[in-house]
């Protein structure tokens, strides 16, 4: 036996015994091999080191089906909406099983937004001490801002806006960019979720841009005062999308360790841990960037039109809001309590657009308990883009646009009508407005009658291909 070499304990041995590599790994190896040299058996060493193993991660089981419920603030008006509502119910029942969730609600504009178990558009989910990135979606802080331009000519304002704003994928080219505060960029660099070079670059390139889809720039007149109003709708663009991706990567680690039964889209970060605090701060910085983005487009338009603003306010509807230790996730849902944000400058008012041919609602929230304090963010949809095109029949998008928006100056930045944004692709504006009142979700204080709007529009096919290959 004397001439036999005893094999040392290795890192592989420690990992097989359940120890994770980390700062204490070298000390554990040293201790193990000291015990081995003193004649201890490997079994004895393994048992001794077991005292150094961290406790197993706390496990969170899914709620039993039906144990956590949600409020419905939607009454179907026809067969299409009844079918849509059943799909929303199906997905919300699964969302409610998430361990951190304590309740939820659906708004009159509710519609599915992904696989079953994904928070729907028009959905609100309340969670205790938990932030769920998948529940605010990649379009973090999608929001609206309105400026009161007094007696400004709406035609001149729309023309100025068309020359100023930027729709479509990507950002502004070098030489045509809007300035981003150095203090804000420094705050990005100090946050672990926002400090990457790509995020900083997108924060600079995307300032002054509005993206695509249902984002718009709207000009109209107040029904109450006759004054001209400018309204923009967009989210946090590239910086927000990159924060979303970073958040999803982090929460997946928590999900695997603590609740592998939880669906990936419903994973969470504990709000009181280091990652949770950093993510919450990142959300607030993205919110600040998005507000600045709205402001930059409004100010550039005003300067071009030689107009001025006497009042300006804004609100987000894809975000996470905190009330005590409850984190309220609104996916296409508008906060409707007076002090939801210190910098909203709204005197309790929020903005709810419906479609390009209908008035934009200015409302004052009622903090309804059956809605967890929210109201809808728009009109929502009862069917897909494909189904909408089928229902148009032989009618072209251009023909439908003329029929549905008579007397309104509607422009598509890419030059081609996006049929999925026609009024007929949304739920009826009158029905959504009526249900806001029926369910007591908000009080309508004004309506901005449409003069015209700008949207991204359909990209030419070659541009879509080029964008997808980047």
Protein backbone atom coordinates (compact mmCIF):
# COMPACT_ATOMS: atom_id res chain seq x y z
CA UNK A 1 0.00 0.00 0.00
CA UNK A 2 2.89 2.38 0.70
CA UNK A 3 3.84 2.54 -2.95
CA UNK A 4 0.29 3.41 -4.06
CA UNK A 5 -0.51 7.08 -4.74
CA UNK A 6 -3.75 8.36 -3.22
CA UNK A 7 -5.75 10.32 -5.82
CA UNK A 8 -6.49 13.84 -4.60
CA UNK A 9 -10.00 15.20 -4.28
CA UNK A 10 -10.75 17.29 -7.38
CA UNK A 11 -13.22 19.91 -8.40
CA UNK A 12 -15.14 17.25 -10.27
CA UNK A 13 -15.50 15.32 -7.00
CA UNK A 14 -16.86 18.41 -5.24
CA UNK A 15 -19.37 19.05 -8.03
CA UNK A 16 -20.48 15.41 -7.91
CA UNK A 17 -21.02 15.88 -4.16
CA UNK A 18 -23.32 18.85 -4.82
CA UNK A 19 -20.98 21.84 -4.40
CA UNK A 20 -21.27 24.66 -6.95
CA UNK A 21 -18.06 26.34 -8.19
CA UNK A 22 -17.57 29.74 -6.62
CA UNK A 23 -15.32 31.82 -4.35
CA UNK A 24 -15.26 29.14 -1.61
CA UNK A 25 -14.36 26.31 -4.00
CA UNK A 26 -10.54 26.52 -3.46
CA UNK A 27 -10.96 26.45 0.35
CA UNK A 28 -13.19 23.37 0.12
CA UNK A 29 -10.61 21.61 -2.07
CA UNK A 30 -7.82 22.45 0.38
CA UNK A 31 -9.82 21.14 3.34
CA UNK A 32 -10.79 17.96 1.50
CA UNK A 33 -7.21 17.13 0.58
CA UNK A 34 -5.92 17.94 4.08
CA UNK A 35 -8.43 15.41 5.48
CA UNK A 36 -7.40 12.90 2.81
CA UNK A 37 -3.72 13.32 3.71
CA UNK A 38 -4.56 12.70 7.37
CA UNK A 39 -6.10 9.35 6.50
CA UNK A 40 -9.80 10.20 6.30
CA UNK A 41 -11.83 8.20 3.83
CA UNK A 42 -13.60 9.85 0.90
CA UNK A 43 -16.97 9.06 2.44
CA UNK A 44 -15.96 10.78 5.67
CA UNK A 45 -14.72 13.80 3.72
CA UNK A 46 -17.93 13.96 1.72
CA UNK A 47 -20.03 13.89 4.89
CA UNK A 48 -17.87 16.54 6.56
CA UNK A 49 -18.08 18.90 3.59
CA UNK A 50 -21.83 18.40 3.34
CA UNK A 51 -22.09 20.81 6.26
CA UNK A 52 -20.79 23.49 3.86
CA UNK A 53 -23.47 22.90 1.25
CA UNK A 54 -25.89 25.82 0.84
CA UNK A 55 -29.51 25.08 1.77
CA UNK A 56 -31.60 23.90 -1.16
CA UNK A 57 -33.37 26.76 -2.97
CA UNK A 58 -36.87 27.53 -1.76
CA UNK A 59 -39.43 25.99 -4.05
CA UNK A 60 -42.64 27.72 -5.12
CA UNK A 61 -45.55 25.57 -6.24
CA UNK A 62 -48.18 26.73 -8.67
CA UNK A 63 -51.48 27.88 -7.19
CA UNK A 64 -54.27 25.37 -7.53
CA UNK A 65 -56.52 26.04 -10.51
CA UNK A 66 -59.13 28.62 -9.51
CA UNK A 67 -57.51 29.46 -6.17
CA UNK A 68 -56.61 32.99 -7.37
CA UNK A 69 -59.28 34.80 -9.38
CA UNK A 70 -59.45 37.85 -11.64
CA UNK A 71 -62.09 40.49 -12.29
CA UNK A 72 -63.77 40.80 -15.68
CA UNK A 73 -64.55 44.31 -16.89
CA UNK A 74 -65.81 43.22 -20.29
CA UNK A 75 -69.25 42.28 -21.58
CA UNK A 76 -69.20 40.63 -25.03
CA UNK A 77 -71.41 42.40 -27.55
CA UNK A 78 -71.41 39.72 -30.27
CA UNK A 79 -70.19 36.22 -31.15
CA UNK A 80 -66.71 37.46 -32.12
CA UNK A 81 -66.21 39.15 -28.79
CA UNK A 82 -67.61 36.17 -26.89
CA UNK A 83 -65.04 33.93 -28.59
CA UNK A 84 -62.30 36.46 -27.83
CA UNK A 85 -63.37 36.69 -24.18
CA UNK A 86 -63.23 32.92 -23.74
CA UNK A 87 -59.66 32.89 -25.06
CA UNK A 88 -58.74 35.70 -22.67
CA UNK A 89 -60.29 33.79 -19.76
CA UNK A 90 -58.37 30.67 -20.71
CA UNK A 91 -55.01 32.45 -20.68
CA UNK A 92 -55.75 34.45 -17.51
CA UNK A 93 -56.73 31.31 -15.58
CA UNK A 94 -53.25 29.93 -16.29
CA UNK A 95 -51.53 33.23 -15.42
CA UNK A 96 -53.36 33.24 -12.06
CA UNK A 97 -51.64 29.97 -11.10
CA UNK A 98 -48.23 31.72 -11.00
CA UNK A 99 -46.97 31.44 -7.38
CA UNK A 100 -46.44 35.17 -6.77
CA UNK A 101 -49.78 36.29 -8.21
CA UNK A 102 -52.54 37.46 -5.86
CA UNK A 103 -55.12 38.69 -8.37
CA UNK A 104 -55.80 40.30 -11.71
CA UNK A 105 -58.28 41.95 -14.01
CA UNK A 106 -59.15 42.28 -17.67
CA UNK A 107 -60.24 45.50 -19.35
CA UNK A 108 -62.86 46.09 -22.09
CA UNK A 109 -60.06 46.01 -24.69
CA UNK A 110 -58.76 42.58 -23.64
CA UNK A 111 -57.47 40.20 -26.31
CA UNK A 112 -54.93 37.33 -26.33
CA UNK A 113 -51.26 38.21 -26.86
CA UNK A 114 -49.45 34.89 -27.16
CA UNK A 115 -49.58 31.24 -26.08
CA UNK A 116 -52.03 30.23 -23.35
CA UNK A 117 -50.68 31.44 -20.04
CA UNK A 118 -49.42 34.76 -21.44
CA UNK A 119 -50.86 37.95 -19.94
CA UNK A 120 -53.33 39.31 -22.52
CA UNK A 121 -53.48 42.81 -23.90
CA UNK A 122 -55.84 44.66 -21.58
CA UNK A 123 -54.66 42.48 -18.70
CA UNK A 124 -53.62 43.46 -15.18
CA UNK A 125 -51.72 41.10 -12.88
CA UNK A 126 -50.96 41.85 -9.22
CA UNK A 127 -47.96 40.08 -7.68
CA UNK A 128 -46.49 40.28 -4.20
CA UNK A 129 -42.81 41.29 -3.98
CA UNK A 130 -42.16 40.16 -7.55
CA UNK A 131 -41.44 41.76 -10.92
CA UNK A 132 -42.40 39.74 -14.01
CA UNK A 133 -40.63 41.08 -17.14
CA UNK A 134 -42.80 38.94 -19.41
CA UNK A 135 -45.87 40.75 -18.12
CA UNK A 136 -44.83 44.22 -19.26
CA UNK A 137 -43.65 42.80 -22.62
CA UNK A 138 -40.77 43.91 -24.84
CA UNK A 139 -42.50 47.21 -25.57
CA UNK A 140 -41.77 48.50 -22.07
CA UNK A 141 -43.39 51.81 -21.19
CA UNK A 142 -45.52 52.01 -24.32
CA UNK A 143 -47.18 55.33 -23.56
CA UNK A 144 -48.99 58.46 -24.71
CA UNK A 145 -48.23 62.16 -24.40
CA UNK A 146 -50.51 65.10 -25.21
CA UNK A 147 -49.61 68.75 -25.74
CA UNK A 148 -52.25 71.50 -25.80
CA UNK A 149 -51.25 73.82 -28.66
CA UNK A 150 -54.01 76.37 -28.23
CA UNK A 151 -55.12 77.97 -31.50
CA UNK A 152 -52.42 76.40 -33.67
CA UNK A 153 -53.55 75.33 -37.15
CA UNK A 154 -53.87 71.50 -37.03
CA UNK A 155 -52.89 71.25 -40.71
CA UNK A 156 -49.65 73.11 -40.05
CA UNK A 157 -48.96 70.99 -36.96
CA UNK A 158 -49.47 67.73 -38.87
CA UNK A 159 -47.27 68.92 -41.70
CA UNK A 160 -44.53 69.92 -39.27
CA UNK A 161 -44.80 66.60 -37.46
CA UNK A 162 -44.48 64.69 -40.74
CA UNK A 163 -41.16 66.39 -41.40
CA UNK A 164 -39.88 65.79 -37.87
CA UNK A 165 -40.92 62.37 -36.59
CA UNK A 166 -39.39 59.00 -37.52
CA UNK A 167 -41.26 55.70 -37.92
CA UNK A 168 -40.16 52.22 -38.92
CA UNK A 169 -37.38 49.89 -37.73
CA UNK A 170 -34.00 51.10 -36.57
CA UNK A 171 -32.96 54.53 -35.41
CA UNK A 172 -31.97 57.86 -36.82
CA UNK A 173 -28.82 58.04 -38.98
CA UNK A 174 -25.72 59.85 -37.80
CA UNK A 175 -26.15 63.58 -38.31
CA UNK A 176 -29.91 63.44 -37.84
CA UNK A 177 -30.07 62.28 -34.24
CA UNK A 178 -31.76 63.92 -31.28
CA UNK A 179 -29.65 64.69 -28.23
CA UNK A 180 -29.74 62.36 -25.21
CA UNK A 181 -28.82 63.76 -21.80
CA UNK A 182 -25.33 62.74 -20.69
CA UNK A 183 -26.67 62.32 -17.15
CA UNK A 184 -29.25 59.81 -18.41
CA UNK A 185 -26.62 57.89 -20.38
CA UNK A 186 -24.36 57.85 -17.30
CA UNK A 187 -27.26 56.43 -15.28
CA UNK A 188 -27.66 53.70 -17.92
CA UNK A 189 -23.96 52.87 -17.62
CA UNK A 190 -24.28 52.55 -13.84
CA UNK A 191 -27.11 50.00 -14.06
CA UNK A 192 -26.20 46.32 -14.63
CA UNK A 193 -29.21 45.78 -16.89
CA UNK A 194 -28.60 48.84 -19.10
CA UNK A 195 -24.83 49.27 -19.23
CA UNK A 196 -24.06 47.28 -22.40
CA UNK A 197 -22.60 49.21 -25.34
CA UNK A 198 -25.49 48.08 -27.58
CA UNK A 199 -28.08 49.43 -25.15
CA UNK A 200 -26.27 52.77 -24.88
CA UNK A 201 -26.00 52.96 -28.66
CA UNK A 202 -29.70 52.25 -29.17
CA UNK A 203 -30.58 54.88 -26.55
CA UNK A 204 -28.77 57.43 -28.71
CA UNK A 205 -29.95 56.20 -32.12
CA UNK A 206 -33.62 55.70 -31.21
CA UNK A 207 -34.25 59.02 -29.49
CA UNK A 208 -36.88 60.85 -31.56
CA UNK A 209 -38.28 57.67 -33.14
CA UNK A 210 -41.69 55.99 -32.84
CA UNK A 211 -41.26 52.49 -34.27
CA UNK A 212 -44.05 50.64 -36.04
CA UNK A 213 -47.26 48.69 -35.39
CA UNK A 214 -50.00 50.70 -33.69
CA UNK A 215 -47.75 53.60 -32.70
CA UNK A 216 -48.85 56.96 -34.07
CA UNK A 217 -48.70 60.74 -34.06
CA UNK A 218 -52.21 62.25 -33.86
CA UNK A 219 -53.42 65.82 -34.30
CA UNK A 220 -56.92 66.90 -33.34
CA UNK A 221 -59.11 69.40 -31.57
CA UNK A 222 -60.51 69.28 -28.06
CA UNK A 223 -64.28 68.84 -28.02
CA UNK A 224 -64.41 70.80 -24.74
CA UNK A 225 -62.26 73.79 -25.72
CA UNK A 226 -61.72 73.70 -29.49
CA UNK A 227 -57.96 73.91 -28.90
CA UNK A 228 -55.49 71.94 -31.03
CA UNK A 229 -53.82 68.92 -29.47
CA UNK A 230 -50.80 66.85 -30.44
CA UNK A 231 -50.67 63.24 -29.18
CA UNK A 232 -47.88 60.68 -29.62
CA UNK A 233 -47.98 56.94 -28.93
CA UNK A 234 -44.85 54.77 -28.70
CA UNK A 235 -42.70 52.89 -26.22
CA UNK A 236 -39.07 52.65 -25.24
CA UNK A 237 -37.87 51.32 -28.60
CA UNK A 238 -34.44 49.64 -28.70
CA UNK A 239 -33.33 50.39 -25.12
CA UNK A 240 -36.54 48.93 -23.72
CA UNK A 241 -36.33 45.84 -25.90
CA UNK A 242 -32.78 45.21 -24.72
CA UNK A 243 -33.80 45.62 -21.07
CA UNK A 244 -36.63 43.15 -21.64
CA UNK A 245 -34.21 40.61 -23.12
CA UNK A 246 -31.76 41.04 -20.23
CA UNK A 247 -34.57 40.70 -17.69
CA UNK A 248 -35.91 37.52 -19.32
CA UNK A 249 -32.44 35.96 -19.17
CA UNK A 250 -32.10 36.71 -15.45
CA UNK A 251 -35.57 35.53 -14.43
CA UNK A 252 -35.08 32.24 -16.24
CA UNK A 253 -32.34 31.40 -13.73
CA UNK A 254 -34.70 32.14 -10.83
CA UNK A 255 -37.45 30.10 -12.45
CA UNK A 256 -35.26 27.01 -12.92
CA UNK A 257 -34.05 27.16 -9.31
CA UNK A 258 -37.24 28.10 -7.52
CA UNK A 259 -40.29 27.27 -9.65
CA UNK A 260 -39.59 25.13 -12.72
CA UNK A 261 -43.33 24.51 -13.17
CA UNK A 262 -43.90 28.24 -13.77
CA UNK A 263 -44.21 29.12 -17.45
CA UNK A 264 -41.16 30.91 -18.87
CA UNK A 265 -43.21 34.00 -19.78
CA UNK A 266 -44.36 34.28 -16.14
CA UNK A 267 -40.98 33.96 -14.43
CA UNK A 268 -40.09 36.65 -11.90
CA UNK A 269 -37.34 38.45 -10.03
CA UNK A 270 -37.90 38.85 -6.27
CA UNK A 271 -38.30 42.60 -5.91
CA UNK A 272 -36.29 42.78 -2.68
CA UNK A 273 -33.17 40.99 -3.96
CA UNK A 274 -30.20 42.74 -5.55
CA UNK A 275 -31.28 41.81 -9.08
CA UNK A 276 -34.84 42.93 -8.36
CA UNK A 277 -33.75 46.32 -7.07
CA UNK A 278 -31.46 46.84 -10.08
CA UNK A 279 -34.24 45.83 -12.49
CA UNK A 280 -36.72 48.18 -10.83
CA UNK A 281 -34.23 51.02 -11.18
CA UNK A 282 -33.68 50.06 -14.82
CA UNK A 283 -37.44 50.29 -15.42
CA UNK A 284 -37.48 53.81 -13.99
CA UNK A 285 -34.58 54.84 -16.25
CA UNK A 286 -36.31 53.39 -19.30
CA UNK A 287 -39.42 55.31 -18.26
CA UNK A 288 -37.38 58.51 -18.10
CA UNK A 289 -35.86 57.82 -21.53
CA UNK A 290 -39.32 57.22 -23.01
CA UNK A 291 -40.77 60.41 -21.58
CA UNK A 292 -37.79 62.29 -23.02
CA UNK A 293 -38.44 60.64 -26.37
CA UNK A 294 -42.04 61.90 -26.42
CA UNK A 295 -40.92 65.36 -25.34
CA UNK A 296 -38.29 65.54 -28.07
CA UNK A 297 -40.81 64.82 -30.82
CA UNK A 298 -43.33 67.28 -29.38
CA UNK A 299 -40.75 70.05 -29.03
CA UNK A 300 -39.31 69.54 -32.51
CA UNK A 301 -42.82 69.64 -33.99
CA UNK A 302 -43.73 72.79 -32.07
CA UNK A 303 -40.57 74.56 -33.21
CA UNK A 304 -41.19 73.56 -36.82
CA UNK A 305 -44.84 74.71 -36.66
CA UNK A 306 -43.92 77.84 -34.65
CA UNK A 307 -46.45 76.85 -31.99
CA UNK A 308 -46.27 76.62 -28.22
CA UNK A 309 -47.72 74.28 -25.61
CA UNK A 310 -49.70 75.52 -22.62
CA UNK A 311 -50.23 72.06 -21.12
CA UNK A 312 -48.55 68.68 -21.51
CA UNK A 313 -49.09 65.36 -19.75
CA UNK A 314 -48.46 61.69 -20.34
CA UNK A 315 -49.09 58.17 -19.11
CA UNK A 316 -47.72 54.71 -19.81
CA UNK A 317 -49.81 51.55 -20.28
CA UNK A 318 -47.18 48.76 -20.59
CA UNK A 319 -45.40 48.95 -17.29
CA UNK A 320 -45.04 47.80 -13.69
CA UNK A 321 -46.42 49.98 -10.91
CA UNK A 322 -45.76 49.58 -7.17
CA UNK A 323 -48.30 50.08 -4.41
CA UNK A 324 -46.71 48.96 -1.14
CA UNK A 325 -45.27 45.48 -1.70
CA UNK A 326 -47.72 44.78 -4.52
CA UNK A 327 -46.36 45.08 -8.06
CA UNK A 328 -49.08 45.78 -10.61
CA UNK A 329 -48.27 44.66 -14.14
CA UNK A 330 -50.31 46.41 -16.81
CA UNK A 331 -50.10 44.96 -20.32
CA UNK A 332 -52.02 47.46 -22.39
CA UNK A 333 -53.77 48.80 -19.30
CA UNK A 334 -53.76 52.42 -18.13
CA UNK A 335 -53.15 53.34 -14.47
CA UNK A 336 -56.28 55.08 -13.21
CA UNK A 337 -55.39 56.34 -9.75
CA UNK A 338 -54.41 59.94 -9.15
CA UNK A 339 -50.83 59.57 -7.92
CA UNK A 340 -49.61 56.69 -10.10
CA UNK A 341 -46.59 58.82 -11.08
CA UNK A 342 -45.11 61.97 -9.61
CA UNK A 343 -43.99 63.27 -13.02
CA UNK A 344 -47.14 62.60 -15.10
CA UNK A 345 -48.12 66.29 -14.84
CA UNK A 346 -51.67 65.17 -15.53
CA UNK A 347 -53.84 66.32 -12.60
CA UNK A 348 -55.27 62.81 -12.53
CA UNK A 349 -55.88 62.65 -16.29
CA UNK A 350 -54.82 59.88 -18.66
CA UNK A 351 -55.12 59.30 -22.41
CA UNK A 352 -57.03 56.47 -24.13
CA UNK A 353 -56.92 56.32 -27.96
CA UNK A 354 -59.44 54.10 -29.79
CA UNK A 355 -58.73 54.20 -33.53
CA UNK A 356 -57.50 56.69 -36.12
CA UNK A 357 -61.04 57.83 -37.04
CA UNK A 358 -62.40 58.17 -33.50
CA UNK A 359 -61.78 60.75 -30.77
CA UNK A 360 -58.98 60.15 -28.28
CA UNK A 361 -60.46 60.01 -24.78
CA UNK A 362 -59.10 62.15 -21.96
CA UNK A 363 -60.21 60.54 -18.74
CA UNK A 364 -59.80 60.85 -15.00
CA UNK A 365 -59.33 57.52 -13.24
CA UNK A 366 -61.60 56.15 -10.52
CA UNK A 367 -59.13 53.70 -8.91
CA UNK A 368 -61.75 50.96 -9.23
CA UNK A 369 -60.97 48.01 -6.97
CA UNK A 370 -62.50 45.56 -9.46
CA UNK A 371 -59.88 46.72 -11.97
CA UNK A 372 -56.95 46.92 -9.52
CA UNK A 373 -57.02 50.66 -10.23
CA UNK A 374 -56.69 50.45 -14.04
CA UNK A 375 -58.67 51.40 -17.13
CA UNK A 376 -58.22 50.24 -20.77
CA UNK A 377 -55.49 51.58 -23.01
CA UNK A 378 -57.41 51.52 -26.28
CA UNK A 379 -59.94 49.52 -28.28
CA UNK A 380 -58.28 46.11 -28.56
CA UNK A 381 -58.99 43.50 -31.23
CA UNK A 382 -61.35 40.56 -31.66
CA UNK A 383 -59.43 38.82 -34.45
CA UNK A 384 -56.04 38.52 -36.11
CA UNK A 385 -54.59 40.55 -38.97
CA UNK A 386 -55.12 37.56 -41.30
CA UNK A 387 -58.77 37.31 -40.32
CA UNK A 388 -59.22 41.04 -40.79
CA UNK A 389 -57.81 40.85 -44.32
CA UNK A 390 -60.17 37.96 -45.05
CA UNK A 391 -63.12 40.02 -43.87
CA UNK A 392 -62.13 42.89 -46.15
CA UNK A 393 -62.88 40.52 -49.04
CA UNK A 394 -62.09 42.05 -52.43
CA UNK A 395 -61.67 45.50 -50.91
CA UNK A 396 -58.09 46.77 -50.93
CA UNK A 397 -56.53 48.40 -47.85
CA UNK A 398 -56.49 51.70 -49.75
CA UNK A 399 -60.21 51.46 -50.51
CA UNK A 400 -61.02 50.55 -46.92
CA UNK A 401 -58.94 53.47 -45.65
CA UNK A 402 -60.90 55.96 -47.77
CA UNK A 403 -64.23 54.52 -46.59
CA UNK A 404 -63.32 54.37 -42.91
CA UNK A 405 -61.48 57.70 -42.48
CA UNK A 406 -63.42 60.18 -44.62
CA UNK A 407 -62.36 63.76 -43.93
CA UNK A 408 -59.29 62.74 -41.92
CA UNK A 409 -55.70 63.26 -43.11
CA UNK A 410 -54.13 59.83 -42.53
CA UNK A 411 -50.49 59.31 -43.53
CA UNK A 412 -48.33 56.20 -43.50
CA UNK A 413 -44.62 56.91 -43.07
CA UNK A 414 -43.58 53.95 -45.25
CA UNK A 415 -46.02 55.01 -47.97
CA UNK A 416 -48.22 51.90 -47.89
CA UNK A 417 -51.45 51.43 -45.92
CA UNK A 418 -51.18 49.03 -42.98
CA UNK A 419 -54.58 47.31 -43.07
CA UNK A 420 -54.14 45.97 -39.54
CA UNK A 421 -54.41 49.55 -38.24
CA UNK A 422 -57.67 50.45 -39.97
CA UNK A 423 -60.58 51.25 -37.64
CA UNK A 424 -62.36 48.05 -38.75
CA UNK A 425 -59.52 45.95 -37.32
CA UNK A 426 -60.34 47.13 -33.78
CA UNK A 427 -63.27 46.67 -31.46
CA UNK A 428 -65.97 49.33 -31.94
CA UNK A 429 -64.88 52.55 -30.25
CA UNK A 430 -68.41 53.27 -29.01
CA UNK A 431 -68.63 49.88 -27.29
CA UNK A 432 -65.31 50.32 -25.47
CA UNK A 433 -66.28 53.86 -24.41
CA UNK A 434 -69.62 52.62 -23.09
CA UNK A 435 -67.94 49.86 -21.06
CA UNK A 436 -65.48 52.29 -19.50
CA UNK A 437 -68.54 54.08 -18.12
CA UNK A 438 -70.57 50.93 -17.33
CA UNK A 439 -67.80 49.39 -15.24
CA UNK A 440 -66.84 52.72 -13.68
CA UNK A 441 -63.21 52.47 -14.80
CA UNK A 442 -62.74 56.18 -15.53
CA UNK A 443 -64.65 59.42 -16.03
CA UNK A 444 -64.40 60.90 -19.51
CA UNK A 445 -63.51 64.60 -19.20
CA UNK A 446 -62.76 65.44 -22.85
CA UNK A 447 -62.46 63.95 -26.33
CA UNK A 448 -59.92 65.00 -28.96
CA UNK A 449 -61.61 64.91 -32.35
CA UNK A 450 -59.29 63.67 -35.11
CA UNK A 451 -57.87 65.99 -37.74
CA UNK A 452 -55.19 63.60 -38.94
CA UNK A 453 -52.48 61.13 -37.94
CA UNK A 454 -49.21 59.56 -39.01
CA UNK A 455 -48.42 55.84 -38.64
CA UNK A 456 -45.56 53.62 -39.73
CA UNK A 457 -47.45 51.77 -42.46
CA UNK A 458 -46.49 48.56 -44.27
CA UNK A 459 -42.82 48.26 -45.17
CA UNK A 460 -41.91 47.16 -48.69
CA UNK A 461 -41.10 43.45 -48.76
CA UNK A 462 -37.38 43.93 -49.45
CA UNK A 463 -37.09 46.16 -46.37
CA UNK A 464 -38.70 43.47 -44.20
CA UNK A 465 -36.25 40.87 -45.51
CA UNK A 466 -33.25 43.15 -44.94
CA UNK A 467 -34.40 43.96 -41.41
CA UNK A 468 -34.96 40.29 -40.51
CA UNK A 469 -31.43 39.38 -41.64
CA UNK A 470 -29.67 41.90 -39.42
